Amino acid sequence: MDFSQFSGFLAFLFVFTTGFWLLLFLLTFVVPYWITGTIIENFQLKAAAKKGKK
């Protein structure tokens, strides 16, 4: 294995592990935060609509 193959292998490992950690971060923090925010916003909109009808 010469240096060009080794550097290509290191570049592949870097891209693969970066993608893996990004996916893990998105699935554990960003998606639940987004879903929770959407639910809270929907509750607030429904409460505002009820107050508007009264």
C-alpha atoms as a PDB file:
ATOM      1  CA  MET A   1       0.000   0.000   0.000  1.00  0.00           C
ATOM      2  CA  ASP A   2       1.590   3.253  -1.086  1.00  0.00           C
ATOM      3  CA  PHE A   3       0.959   6.730   0.274  1.00  0.00           C
ATOM      4  CA  SER A   4      -1.791   7.673  -2.203  1.00  0.00           C
ATOM      5  CA  GLN A   5      -3.836   4.605  -1.302  1.00  0.00           C
ATOM      6  CA  PHE A   6      -3.276   5.219   2.387  1.00  0.00           C
ATOM      7  CA  SER A   7      -4.310   8.883   2.147  1.00  0.00           C
ATOM      8  CA  GLY A   8      -7.414   7.874   0.184  1.00  0.00           C
ATOM      9  CA  PHE A   9      -8.258   5.337   2.868  1.00  0.00           C
ATOM     10  CA  LEU A  10      -7.830   7.990   5.569  1.00  0.00           C
ATOM     11  CA  ALA A  11     -10.050  10.396   3.623  1.00  0.00           C
ATOM     12  CA  PHE A  12     -12.711   7.679   3.331  1.00  0.00           C
ATOM     13  CA  LEU A  13     -12.523   6.965   7.062  1.00  0.00           C
ATOM     14  CA  PHE A  14     -12.830  10.669   7.856  1.00  0.00           C
ATOM     15  CA  VAL A  15     -15.901  11.123   5.644  1.00  0.00           C
ATOM     16  CA  PHE A  16     -17.513   7.906   6.901  1.00  0.00           C
ATOM     17  CA  THR A  17     -17.004   8.670  10.586  1.00  0.00           C
ATOM     18  CA  THR A  18     -18.083  12.298  10.139  1.00  0.00           C
ATOM     19  CA  GLY A  19     -21.295  11.122   8.473  1.00  0.00           C
ATOM     20  CA  PHE A  20     -21.869   8.542  11.192  1.00  0.00           C
ATOM     21  CA  TRP A  21     -21.521  11.051  14.028  1.00  0.00           C
ATOM     22  CA  LEU A  22     -23.641  13.622  12.191  1.00  0.00           C
ATOM     23  CA  LEU A  23     -26.403  11.055  11.718  1.00  0.00           C
ATOM     24  CA  LEU A  24     -26.166  10.038  15.366  1.00  0.00           C
ATOM     25  CA  PHE A  25     -26.360  13.689  16.462  1.00  0.00           C
ATOM     26  CA  LEU A  26     -29.372  14.344  14.222  1.00  0.00           C
ATOM     27  CA  LEU A  27     -31.258  11.299  15.449  1.00  0.00           C
ATOM     28  CA  THR A  28     -30.609  11.864  19.148  1.00  0.00           C
ATOM     29  CA  PHE A  29     -30.827  15.653  19.513  1.00  0.00           C
ATOM     30  CA  VAL A  30     -32.142  17.530  16.486  1.00  0.00           C
ATOM     31  CA  VAL A  31     -35.128  15.362  15.533  1.00  0.00           C
ATOM     32  CA  PRO A  32     -36.555  15.069  19.087  1.00  0.00           C
ATOM     33  CA  TYR A  33     -36.035  18.826  19.598  1.00  0.00           C
ATOM     34  CA  TRP A  34     -37.874  19.529  16.342  1.00  0.00           C
ATOM     35  CA  ILE A  35     -40.769  17.193  17.206  1.00  0.00           C
ATOM     36  CA  THR A  36     -41.110  18.611  20.726  1.00  0.00           C
ATOM     37  CA  GLY A  37     -41.108  22.169  19.406  1.00  0.00           C
ATOM     38  CA  THR A  38     -43.782  21.320  16.856  1.00  0.00           C
ATOM     39  CA  ILE A  39     -46.029  19.757  19.506  1.00  0.00           C
ATOM     40  CA  ILE A  40     -45.634  22.723  21.855  1.00  0.00           C
ATOM     41  CA  GLU A  41     -46.334  25.179  19.043  1.00  0.00           C
ATOM     42  CA  ASN A  42     -49.491  23.288  18.061  1.00  0.00           C
ATOM     43  CA  PHE A  43     -50.744  23.375  21.656  1.00  0.00           C
ATOM     44  CA  GLN A  44     -50.100  27.121  21.832  1.00  0.00           C
ATOM     45  CA  LEU A  45     -51.941  27.708  18.541  1.00  0.00           C
ATOM     46  CA  LYS A  46     -54.924  25.668  19.724  1.00  0.00           C
ATOM     47  CA  ALA A  47     -55.021  27.573  23.019  1.00  0.00           C
ATOM     48  CA  ALA A  48     -54.880  30.902  21.163  1.00  0.00           C
ATOM     49  CA  ALA A  49     -57.695  29.781  18.866  1.00  0.00           C
ATOM     50  CA  LYS A  50     -59.856  28.865  21.880  1.00  0.00           C
ATOM     51  CA  LYS A  51     -59.228  32.274  23.455  1.00  0.00           C
ATOM     52  CA  GLY A  52     -60.065  33.956  20.162  1.00  0.00           C
ATOM     53  CA  LYS A  53     -63.472  32.258  19.974  1.00  0.00           C
ATOM     54  CA  LYS A  54     -64.520  33.396  23.442  1.00  0.00           C
END
